[in-house]
Amino acid sequence: MKIQNISLYILSSFVILSLLPTIDSYFLGLYNEKRGFQVTALALSLIFIPKLNIDRKYYTILALIFLSAFFSALFSDNKLQTILNFLHFILLINMINLGFILQKNINKIFFLLFVSNLFVVCYSLLNYSFFIVEQAQPYPDAILYGFYNIRFFNQFQILCIPFVIYFLQHKKLSRAALILLTLNIFLFLLSSARGAILTSLVMLIFGRYYQLINRKQLLKILKCSFISLILFSIYFLYHQDPESINYVIRTSSSLRLEIWSDLLSNLTLSNIFIGNGPGVYFSQEYGNSHPHNSVLQLLYNWGGIITTSVIILFFKLFQLCLRYTNANNIPEFNICFLSLLGLLTYSLVSGVIVMPIPQTFIFVLIGILLSYLPLNLKVSNKSEKNMIIYSLLSLFYILFVILSYNCLDSIPYGPNFWSNGQISFNQCKIMYLKDF
C-alpha cells in the first residue's frame, strides 16, 4: 500500500470517528473519545509515516525546544502531567511529516473537510428542527452537533471554513458551498461566537489583502454574510427569548481577561525561562486548565525559551508562505495557509491548541505548506531499526495515556489533555503508584 494512502486513511479515520453521532457519550465522555482517536492516529503516524530530513540549523532549534521542554518537565511539581504532555508534543510534531506526505492527496483532504463540515452543520439544523416541531425554546448547546462545548464546534468551523470557500468556485459544488458557508455564519451568530467571528474577519482581510481569496470569492462571502444576517434576524424575532438574546449580545469577556491577569500575576523569573511544566496550568479560582490564549499558555507551561522559538518559527514560516503565494497562485496552498492562520488567530482567545481536532490539524497544515515551499525537503527511508524504535515509543505513549486516564484529579479543572483537566500520580487508582 502506498504511503500516501496510509496517511490519508489515518487522518480520515481520525476525523470521521471523532464526528460520529453522540460519540462523546459512549465510553469516556465529553471529548475524551476524540482524544483517544487522536492518540491512535499519532501512534500510527509515528510508526508508518517517513520522517523529513531538514536543515541542520532547524535541527538546532528543535533540539533547543526539546531540551527546554525536558528541563521544564524535569523540574515540574507534577511529573505525570508533564511527561504525558511532553510525549504528546513529540508525536504532534511528527504530524508535520503526515501533512507533508498528504500533499499528494490534497484534493481528497479538501473534500474530507468540506463533507465533514456539511455533516455537522446539517446535523445541527436537524437538532434545531426538533425544537421547531415541539415548539420548544432552542438553545445553542442543544443545537450544535458533535462537540459537548459550543466553542469546540466553533473551532472546527474555523478549520473548515477556508475549505468551504475553496469550493465556492467548484463546478459541481459551488451552490452547496454557498449554502454551507451561509449556514456556518448563521451558526456563528446563533452561538454568539464573538472570537470566531473576529477570527473570520481577520482571515477575510488577510486573505484578500494577500490575494489568498480572489474577488469573486469575496463577493460570494459577503453575499453569504448578508443572507446569514437575515436568517439570524428571523431566528431572533421568532423566538424572542430574553435569556437567549442576552447571551447573544453579551458584552463580557467570559472571564478571559480575568484568567489572563491571574496567569500573568503568577509568573516568576524561572517560569519565564523554563516554565512550570507542559500542561500543568490550572486556575483554582476560575476552574480552568488552560487560559484560552496560546501564547500565555506556552509561556506559563513551557517557558519563554520555547515560546520565543515557536513564535520565531511561525514568523519564518509565514514569511516563506507569503513569498511563495506572491510568486505562485496555487489555490490549495492559499487555502491551507488561510486555515492555519485562522486556527492560530482563534487560539489567542480559545483553547485551539488543547482540543484534539484543531490541535492535530495545526501540525498537519504546517506539513502541507512545507511540501509546497521550495525548501528541497525530502523524506528519509524507513529502516527496520527505526520501525522498532518508533513502535516501542508509540506503545509507551499509549500505555502512558491509558495510565493517565486512571490518575484524574477528583476536582475537574477542565479542560486539558483529558476533559476534566489535571492528572497526577497521587490520584492514580493503581495503588502502588500513589506513593510515587
Protein backbone atom coordinates (compact mmCIF):
# COMPACT_ATOMS: atom_id res chain seq x y z
CA MET A 1 0.00 0.00 0.00
CA LYS A 2 1.33 3.44 -0.92
CA ILE A 3 2.41 5.66 1.95
CA GLN A 4 0.12 8.44 0.63
CA ASN A 5 -2.90 6.17 1.05
CA ILE A 6 -1.83 5.15 4.56
CA SER A 7 -1.55 8.83 5.50
CA LEU A 8 -4.98 9.54 4.09
CA TYR A 9 -6.55 6.60 5.93
CA ILE A 10 -5.02 7.66 9.25
CA LEU A 11 -6.25 11.26 9.04
CA SER A 12 -9.64 10.41 7.54
CA SER A 13 -10.35 7.76 10.16
CA PHE A 14 -9.45 10.21 12.93
CA VAL A 15 -11.84 12.87 11.60
CA ILE A 16 -14.72 10.52 10.77
CA LEU A 17 -14.56 8.63 14.07
CA SER A 18 -14.35 11.87 16.03
CA LEU A 19 -17.56 13.13 14.41
CA LEU A 20 -19.68 10.01 14.81
CA PRO A 21 -23.11 10.83 16.29
CA THR A 22 -23.04 11.08 20.11
CA ILE A 23 -19.52 9.61 20.18
CA ASP A 24 -18.69 11.76 23.21
CA SER A 25 -21.24 9.91 25.35
CA TYR A 26 -20.32 6.27 24.59
CA PHE A 27 -17.42 5.37 26.86
CA LEU A 28 -15.21 8.10 28.25
CA GLY A 29 -17.45 11.15 27.89
CA LEU A 30 -17.10 14.78 26.85
CA TYR A 31 -14.26 14.99 24.26
CA ASN A 32 -12.23 12.09 25.65
CA GLU A 33 -13.21 9.77 22.78
CA LYS A 34 -11.76 12.29 20.36
CA ARG A 35 -8.56 12.31 22.39
CA GLY A 36 -8.45 8.52 22.20
CA PHE A 37 -8.81 8.60 18.40
CA GLN A 38 -6.12 11.28 18.23
CA VAL A 39 -3.74 9.20 20.34
CA THR A 40 -4.24 6.25 17.97
CA ALA A 41 -3.64 8.46 14.92
CA LEU A 42 -0.47 9.91 16.45
CA ALA A 43 0.89 6.46 17.32
CA LEU A 44 0.17 5.05 13.85
CA SER A 45 1.73 8.07 12.18
CA LEU A 46 4.90 7.71 14.20
CA ILE A 47 5.26 4.10 13.09
CA PHE A 48 4.24 4.24 9.43
CA ILE A 49 4.99 7.78 8.18
CA PRO A 50 8.52 8.57 6.90
CA LYS A 51 10.33 11.46 8.58
CA LEU A 52 11.54 14.66 6.93
CA ASN A 53 15.22 15.42 6.53
CA ILE A 54 15.58 19.07 7.50
CA ASP A 55 18.41 21.60 7.51
CA ARG A 56 20.88 21.37 10.40
CA LYS A 57 20.02 24.85 11.73
CA TYR A 58 16.38 23.78 12.18
CA TYR A 59 17.56 20.65 13.98
CA THR A 60 19.39 23.00 16.35
CA ILE A 61 16.21 24.96 17.04
CA LEU A 62 14.22 21.76 17.58
CA ALA A 63 16.94 20.43 19.88
CA LEU A 64 16.76 23.66 21.88
CA ILE A 65 12.99 23.31 22.15
CA PHE A 66 13.20 19.66 23.23
CA LEU A 67 15.93 20.42 25.76
CA SER A 68 13.94 23.31 27.25
CA ALA A 69 10.83 21.14 27.37
CA PHE A 70 12.79 18.36 29.07
CA PHE A 71 14.04 20.68 31.83
CA SER A 72 10.57 22.17 32.15
CA ALA A 73 9.17 18.68 32.74
CA LEU A 74 12.10 17.66 34.97
CA PHE A 75 11.59 20.49 37.44
CA SER A 76 7.80 20.38 37.40
CA ASP A 77 5.82 19.54 40.53
CA ASN A 78 3.51 17.28 38.51
CA LYS A 79 5.67 14.73 36.68
CA LEU A 80 2.81 12.66 35.27
CA GLN A 81 1.10 15.67 33.66
CA THR A 82 4.35 16.99 32.19
CA ILE A 83 5.66 13.66 30.86
CA LEU A 84 2.32 12.95 29.19
CA ASN A 85 2.22 16.36 27.51
CA PHE A 86 5.90 16.15 26.55
CA LEU A 87 5.35 12.82 24.77
CA HIS A 88 2.17 14.15 23.19
CA PHE A 89 4.07 17.20 21.92
CA ILE A 90 6.73 14.99 20.28
CA LEU A 91 4.11 12.95 18.44
CA LEU A 92 2.25 16.09 17.39
CA ILE A 93 5.41 17.43 15.74
CA ASN A 94 5.58 14.14 13.86
CA MET A 95 2.19 15.03 12.29
CA ILE A 96 4.11 17.56 10.17
CA ASN A 97 5.51 14.52 8.36
CA LEU A 98 1.96 13.24 7.82
CA GLY A 99 0.91 16.58 6.32
CA PHE A 100 3.97 16.61 4.05
CA ILE A 101 3.05 13.20 2.64
CA LEU A 102 -0.65 14.13 2.33
CA GLN A 103 0.06 16.91 -0.14
CA LYS A 104 -0.27 14.38 -2.97
CA ASN A 105 -3.83 13.67 -1.78
CA ILE A 106 -4.65 17.32 -1.19
CA ASN A 107 -7.95 17.30 -3.09
CA LYS A 108 -9.22 14.38 -1.00
CA ILE A 109 -8.32 16.24 2.21
CA PHE A 110 -10.26 19.27 0.98
CA PHE A 111 -13.27 17.11 0.20
CA LEU A 112 -13.00 15.36 3.59
CA LEU A 113 -13.16 18.66 5.49
CA PHE A 114 -15.92 20.01 3.26
CA VAL A 115 -18.12 16.94 3.77
CA SER A 116 -17.32 16.82 7.50
CA ASN A 117 -18.39 20.41 7.92
CA LEU A 118 -21.51 19.76 5.86
CA PHE A 119 -22.35 16.82 8.12
CA VAL A 120 -22.03 18.69 11.43
CA VAL A 121 -23.94 21.71 10.11
CA CYS A 122 -26.81 19.62 8.72
CA TYR A 123 -26.98 17.59 11.92
CA SER A 124 -27.17 20.85 13.88
CA LEU A 125 -30.05 22.04 11.73
CA LEU A 126 -31.77 18.71 12.34
CA ASN A 127 -31.41 19.31 16.07
CA TYR A 128 -32.90 22.77 15.64
CA SER A 129 -35.84 21.37 13.66
CA PHE A 130 -36.84 19.25 16.68
CA PHE A 131 -37.23 22.41 18.73
CA ILE A 132 -39.45 23.88 16.00
CA VAL A 133 -41.61 20.76 15.77
CA GLU A 134 -42.00 20.53 19.54
CA GLN A 135 -42.48 24.30 19.82
CA ALA A 136 -39.77 24.42 22.48
CA GLN A 137 -37.28 27.18 23.17
CA PRO A 138 -33.94 26.33 21.47
CA TYR A 139 -30.52 26.93 23.00
CA PRO A 140 -27.12 26.68 21.29
CA ASP A 141 -25.69 23.82 23.38
CA ALA A 142 -28.54 21.55 22.27
CA ILE A 143 -28.42 22.64 18.63
CA LEU A 144 -24.76 22.48 17.69
CA TYR A 145 -23.72 18.91 16.93
CA GLY A 146 -20.62 16.85 17.55
CA PHE A 147 -18.93 18.72 20.41
CA TYR A 148 -20.07 18.96 24.01
CA ASN A 149 -18.92 22.60 24.16
CA ILE A 150 -20.07 25.07 21.52
CA ARG A 151 -16.63 26.72 21.38
CA PHE A 152 -15.16 23.39 20.26
CA PHE A 153 -17.77 23.39 17.50
CA ASN A 154 -16.64 26.91 16.54
CA GLN A 155 -13.02 25.75 16.42
CA PHE A 156 -13.97 23.07 13.91
CA GLN A 157 -15.81 25.71 11.87
CA ILE A 158 -12.71 27.92 11.76
CA LEU A 159 -10.69 24.96 10.50
CA CYS A 160 -13.22 24.10 7.78
CA ILE A 161 -14.49 27.47 6.52
CA PRO A 162 -11.46 28.19 4.26
CA PHE A 163 -12.05 24.81 2.61
CA VAL A 164 -15.72 25.68 2.12
CA ILE A 165 -14.58 28.94 0.50
CA TYR A 166 -12.37 26.90 -1.84
CA PHE A 167 -15.45 25.07 -3.19
CA LEU A 168 -17.31 28.33 -3.92
CA GLN A 169 -15.80 28.15 -7.43
CA HIS A 170 -16.14 24.40 -7.87
CA LYS A 171 -18.14 23.46 -10.97
CA LYS A 172 -20.42 20.97 -9.22
CA LEU A 173 -20.28 22.00 -5.56
CA SER A 174 -20.38 25.81 -5.74
CA ARG A 175 -24.07 26.06 -4.78
CA ALA A 176 -23.65 23.59 -1.93
CA ALA A 177 -20.62 25.57 -0.74
CA LEU A 178 -22.59 28.83 -0.92
CA ILE A 179 -25.39 27.39 1.25
CA LEU A 180 -22.91 25.76 3.63
CA LEU A 181 -20.95 28.97 4.15
CA THR A 182 -24.19 30.85 4.82
CA LEU A 183 -25.22 28.30 7.43
CA ASN A 184 -21.80 28.38 9.08
CA ILE A 185 -22.02 32.14 9.52
CA PHE A 186 -25.58 31.76 10.81
CA LEU A 187 -24.35 29.25 13.42
CA PHE A 188 -21.59 31.68 14.40
CA LEU A 189 -24.28 34.24 15.18
CA LEU A 190 -26.54 31.68 16.85
CA SER A 191 -23.75 30.57 19.20
CA SER A 192 -22.56 34.12 19.84
CA ALA A 193 -19.09 33.10 18.70
CA ARG A 194 -17.51 36.53 19.02
CA GLY A 195 -13.94 35.22 18.88
CA ALA A 196 -14.73 33.02 15.87
CA ILE A 197 -16.44 35.91 14.06
CA LEU A 198 -13.46 38.18 14.74
CA THR A 199 -11.11 35.42 13.55
CA SER A 200 -13.15 35.04 10.35
CA LEU A 201 -12.84 38.78 9.73
CA VAL A 202 -9.07 38.55 10.22
CA MET A 203 -8.94 35.65 7.74
CA LEU A 204 -11.08 37.60 5.27
CA ILE A 205 -9.00 40.80 5.49
CA PHE A 206 -5.67 38.95 5.46
CA GLY A 207 -6.80 36.63 2.68
CA ARG A 208 -7.99 39.42 0.44
CA TYR A 209 -5.02 41.70 1.13
CA TYR A 210 -2.51 38.97 0.22
CA GLN A 211 -4.76 37.65 -2.57
CA LEU A 212 -5.35 34.29 -0.96
CA ILE A 213 -9.02 34.98 -1.69
CA ASN A 214 -9.97 36.34 -5.12
CA ARG A 215 -12.58 39.00 -5.85
CA LYS A 216 -15.31 36.53 -6.89
CA GLN A 217 -14.89 34.58 -3.68
CA LEU A 218 -15.00 37.78 -1.64
CA LEU A 219 -18.29 38.85 -3.23
CA LYS A 220 -19.81 35.44 -2.53
CA ILE A 221 -18.62 35.56 1.08
CA LEU A 222 -20.25 38.99 1.53
CA LYS A 223 -23.43 37.63 -0.06
CA CYS A 224 -23.46 34.68 2.35
CA SER A 225 -22.87 37.01 5.30
CA PHE A 226 -25.84 39.19 4.30
CA ILE A 227 -28.16 36.18 3.95
CA SER A 228 -26.90 34.85 7.32
CA LEU A 229 -27.81 38.13 8.99
CA ILE A 230 -31.33 37.86 7.57
CA LEU A 231 -31.65 34.27 8.81
CA PHE A 232 -30.40 35.24 12.24
CA SER A 233 -32.82 38.18 12.39
CA ILE A 234 -35.69 35.80 11.62
CA TYR A 235 -34.46 33.40 14.31
CA PHE A 236 -34.08 36.28 16.75
CA LEU A 237 -37.57 37.67 16.12
CA TYR A 238 -39.29 34.28 16.04
CA HIS A 239 -38.08 33.01 19.41
CA GLN A 240 -37.80 36.27 21.38
CA ASP A 241 -36.36 34.60 24.43
CA PRO A 242 -34.76 37.20 26.77
CA GLU A 243 -32.17 34.72 28.04
CA SER A 244 -31.05 33.78 24.52
CA ILE A 245 -31.00 37.41 23.45
CA ASN A 246 -28.84 38.40 26.42
CA TYR A 247 -26.48 35.52 25.63
CA VAL A 248 -26.08 36.56 22.01
CA ILE A 249 -25.43 40.24 22.69
CA ARG A 250 -23.43 39.86 25.92
CA THR A 251 -20.52 42.26 26.37
CA SER A 252 -18.43 40.44 28.99
CA SER A 253 -15.07 38.83 28.22
CA SER A 254 -16.35 35.45 29.51
CA LEU A 255 -13.63 35.68 32.19
CA ARG A 256 -10.87 35.75 29.57
CA LEU A 257 -9.36 38.98 30.88
CA GLU A 258 -9.57 37.79 34.47
CA ILE A 259 -7.88 34.47 33.64
CA TRP A 260 -5.09 36.18 31.69
CA SER A 261 -4.49 38.64 34.51
CA ASP A 262 -4.39 35.78 37.03
CA LEU A 263 -1.87 33.86 34.91
CA LEU A 264 0.42 36.85 34.46
CA SER A 265 0.38 37.56 38.19
CA ASN A 266 1.66 34.01 38.84
CA LEU A 267 4.66 34.21 36.51
CA THR A 268 8.10 34.12 38.10
CA LEU A 269 11.60 34.55 36.70
CA SER A 270 12.12 30.77 36.46
CA ASN A 271 8.69 30.39 34.82
CA ILE A 272 9.67 32.84 32.12
CA PHE A 273 12.73 30.73 31.17
CA ILE A 274 11.64 27.08 31.51
CA GLY A 275 8.00 27.33 32.59
CA ASN A 276 6.14 25.26 35.16
CA GLY A 277 5.95 22.14 33.02
CA PRO A 278 3.97 21.10 29.93
CA GLY A 279 0.23 21.11 30.60
CA VAL A 280 0.31 22.00 34.29
CA TYR A 281 -1.55 25.31 34.20
CA PHE A 282 -4.79 25.39 36.10
CA SER A 283 -6.73 28.09 37.88
CA GLN A 284 -8.43 27.11 41.11
CA GLU A 285 -10.35 30.38 41.14
CA TYR A 286 -11.79 30.01 37.64
CA GLY A 287 -11.76 26.19 37.32
CA ASN A 288 -9.78 26.09 34.06
CA SER A 289 -6.78 24.03 32.97
CA HIS A 290 -5.95 26.23 30.01
CA PRO A 291 -6.02 30.04 29.85
CA HIS A 292 -7.78 30.44 26.45
CA ASN A 293 -4.67 32.04 24.98
CA SER A 294 -1.98 30.02 23.20
CA VAL A 295 0.90 32.45 23.83
CA LEU A 296 0.19 32.77 27.55
CA GLN A 297 -0.31 29.02 27.80
CA LEU A 298 3.06 28.33 26.18
CA LEU A 299 4.75 30.95 28.36
CA TYR A 300 3.34 29.61 31.64
CA ASN A 301 3.71 25.90 30.85
CA TRP A 302 6.73 25.70 28.56
CA GLY A 303 8.62 28.90 29.37
CA GLY A 304 9.98 31.86 27.46
CA ILE A 305 12.66 29.97 25.50
CA ILE A 306 10.14 27.66 23.84
CA THR A 307 7.54 30.40 23.40
CA THR A 308 10.08 32.67 21.67
CA SER A 309 11.35 29.80 19.50
CA VAL A 310 7.83 28.82 18.43
CA ILE A 311 6.92 32.43 17.57
CA ILE A 312 10.12 32.79 15.52
CA LEU A 313 9.45 29.55 13.64
CA PHE A 314 5.88 30.57 12.81
CA PHE A 315 7.03 34.04 11.77
CA LYS A 316 9.62 32.46 9.44
CA LEU A 317 7.01 30.04 8.05
CA PHE A 318 4.57 32.87 7.36
CA GLN A 319 7.31 34.87 5.63
CA LEU A 320 8.10 31.93 3.35
CA CYS A 321 4.40 31.34 2.66
CA LEU A 322 3.80 34.97 1.70
CA ARG A 323 6.78 34.94 -0.66
CA TYR A 324 5.55 31.72 -2.21
CA THR A 325 1.98 32.92 -2.70
CA ASN A 326 3.25 36.18 -4.24
CA ALA A 327 5.24 34.18 -6.79
CA ASN A 328 2.63 31.48 -7.35
CA ASN A 329 -1.14 31.32 -7.47
CA ILE A 330 -1.99 27.88 -6.14
CA PRO A 331 -5.49 27.88 -4.55
CA GLU A 332 -4.83 24.73 -2.50
CA PHE A 333 -1.77 26.29 -0.88
CA ASN A 334 -3.60 29.55 -0.23
CA ILE A 335 -6.50 27.80 1.49
CA CYS A 336 -4.24 25.72 3.77
CA PHE A 337 -2.33 28.87 4.67
CA LEU A 338 -5.59 30.66 5.44
CA SER A 339 -6.87 27.80 7.61
CA LEU A 340 -3.63 27.70 9.62
CA LEU A 341 -3.82 31.47 10.09
CA GLY A 342 -7.42 31.12 11.30
CA LEU A 343 -6.59 28.41 13.85
CA LEU A 344 -3.62 30.34 15.24
CA THR A 345 -5.61 33.58 15.44
CA TYR A 346 -8.52 31.88 17.20
CA SER A 347 -6.04 30.25 19.62
CA LEU A 348 -5.47 33.71 21.13
CA VAL A 349 -8.96 33.65 22.64
CA SER A 350 -9.84 29.95 22.70
CA GLY A 351 -8.35 26.55 23.55
CA VAL A 352 -7.46 25.63 19.97
CA ILE A 353 -4.04 24.23 20.92
CA VAL A 354 -5.67 21.96 23.52
CA MET A 355 -8.55 20.33 21.64
CA PRO A 356 -7.74 17.16 19.65
CA ILE A 357 -9.02 18.06 16.16
CA PRO A 358 -7.69 21.64 15.72
CA GLN A 359 -4.51 20.74 17.61
CA THR A 360 -3.79 17.94 15.14
CA PHE A 361 -4.60 20.00 12.07
CA ILE A 362 -2.26 22.82 13.05
CA PHE A 363 0.65 20.42 12.54
CA VAL A 364 -0.87 18.68 9.50
CA LEU A 365 -1.36 22.05 7.78
CA ILE A 366 2.23 23.03 8.55
CA GLY A 367 3.36 19.83 6.84
CA ILE A 368 1.19 20.51 3.79
CA LEU A 369 2.55 24.05 3.46
CA LEU A 370 6.14 22.82 3.77
CA SER A 371 5.52 20.36 0.94
CA TYR A 372 4.85 23.27 -1.44
CA LEU A 373 7.67 25.57 -0.33
CA PRO A 374 10.96 25.41 -2.29
CA LEU A 375 13.00 24.09 0.64
CA ASN A 376 14.19 20.87 -1.04
CA LEU A 377 12.78 18.81 1.80
CA LYS A 378 12.83 15.04 1.39
CA VAL A 379 11.65 12.14 3.50
CA SER A 380 14.12 9.62 4.85
CA ASN A 381 13.98 5.95 4.01
CA LYS A 382 12.36 3.73 6.64
CA SER A 383 14.64 1.18 8.26
CA GLU A 384 13.80 -1.85 10.36
CA LYS A 385 15.72 -0.39 13.30
CA ASN A 386 13.76 2.86 13.18
CA MET A 387 10.48 0.98 12.87
CA ILE A 388 11.26 -0.92 16.06
CA ILE A 389 12.20 2.28 17.93
CA TYR A 390 9.09 4.13 16.74
CA SER A 391 6.86 1.16 17.58
CA LEU A 392 8.24 0.98 21.12
CA LEU A 393 7.83 4.73 21.60
CA SER A 394 4.25 4.53 20.32
CA LEU A 395 3.48 1.65 22.65
CA PHE A 396 4.99 3.50 25.61
CA TYR A 397 2.97 6.61 24.71
CA ILE A 398 -0.31 4.66 24.50
CA LEU A 399 0.35 2.90 27.82
CA PHE A 400 1.16 6.24 29.43
CA VAL A 401 -2.09 7.73 28.09
CA ILE A 402 -4.07 4.78 29.49
CA LEU A 403 -2.32 5.19 32.84
CA SER A 404 -3.07 8.91 32.92
CA TYR A 405 -6.80 8.33 32.47
CA ASN A 406 -6.74 6.34 35.70
CA CYS A 407 -5.00 9.21 37.51
CA LEU A 408 -7.52 12.01 37.04
CA ASP A 409 -7.86 14.63 39.74
CA SER A 410 -11.13 14.38 41.63
CA ILE A 411 -11.62 18.14 41.16
CA PRO A 412 -12.45 18.74 37.48
CA TYR A 413 -10.15 21.58 36.42
CA GLY A 414 -11.00 21.29 32.76
CA PRO A 415 -10.28 21.03 30.01
CA ASN A 416 -6.70 19.97 29.33
CA PHE A 417 -5.34 16.73 27.89
CA TRP A 418 -8.41 15.00 29.31
CA SER A 419 -11.66 16.87 29.61
CA ASN A 420 -11.55 17.23 33.38
CA GLY A 421 -8.08 18.69 33.44
CA GLN A 422 -5.36 17.76 35.87
CA ILE A 423 -3.80 14.35 36.43
CA SER A 424 -1.16 13.28 38.96
CA PHE A 425 0.44 10.14 40.39
CA ASN A 426 -1.13 10.68 43.81
CA GLN A 427 -4.58 10.47 42.18
CA CYS A 428 -3.87 7.13 40.49
CA LYS A 429 -6.36 4.33 41.07
CA ILE A 430 -3.44 1.93 40.67
CA MET A 431 -2.45 1.59 44.31
CA TYR A 432 1.33 1.18 44.03
CA LEU A 433 1.64 4.48 42.13
CA LYS A 434 0.09 6.61 44.86
CA ASP A 435 3.36 6.90 46.74
CA PHE A 436 5.43 7.68 43.64
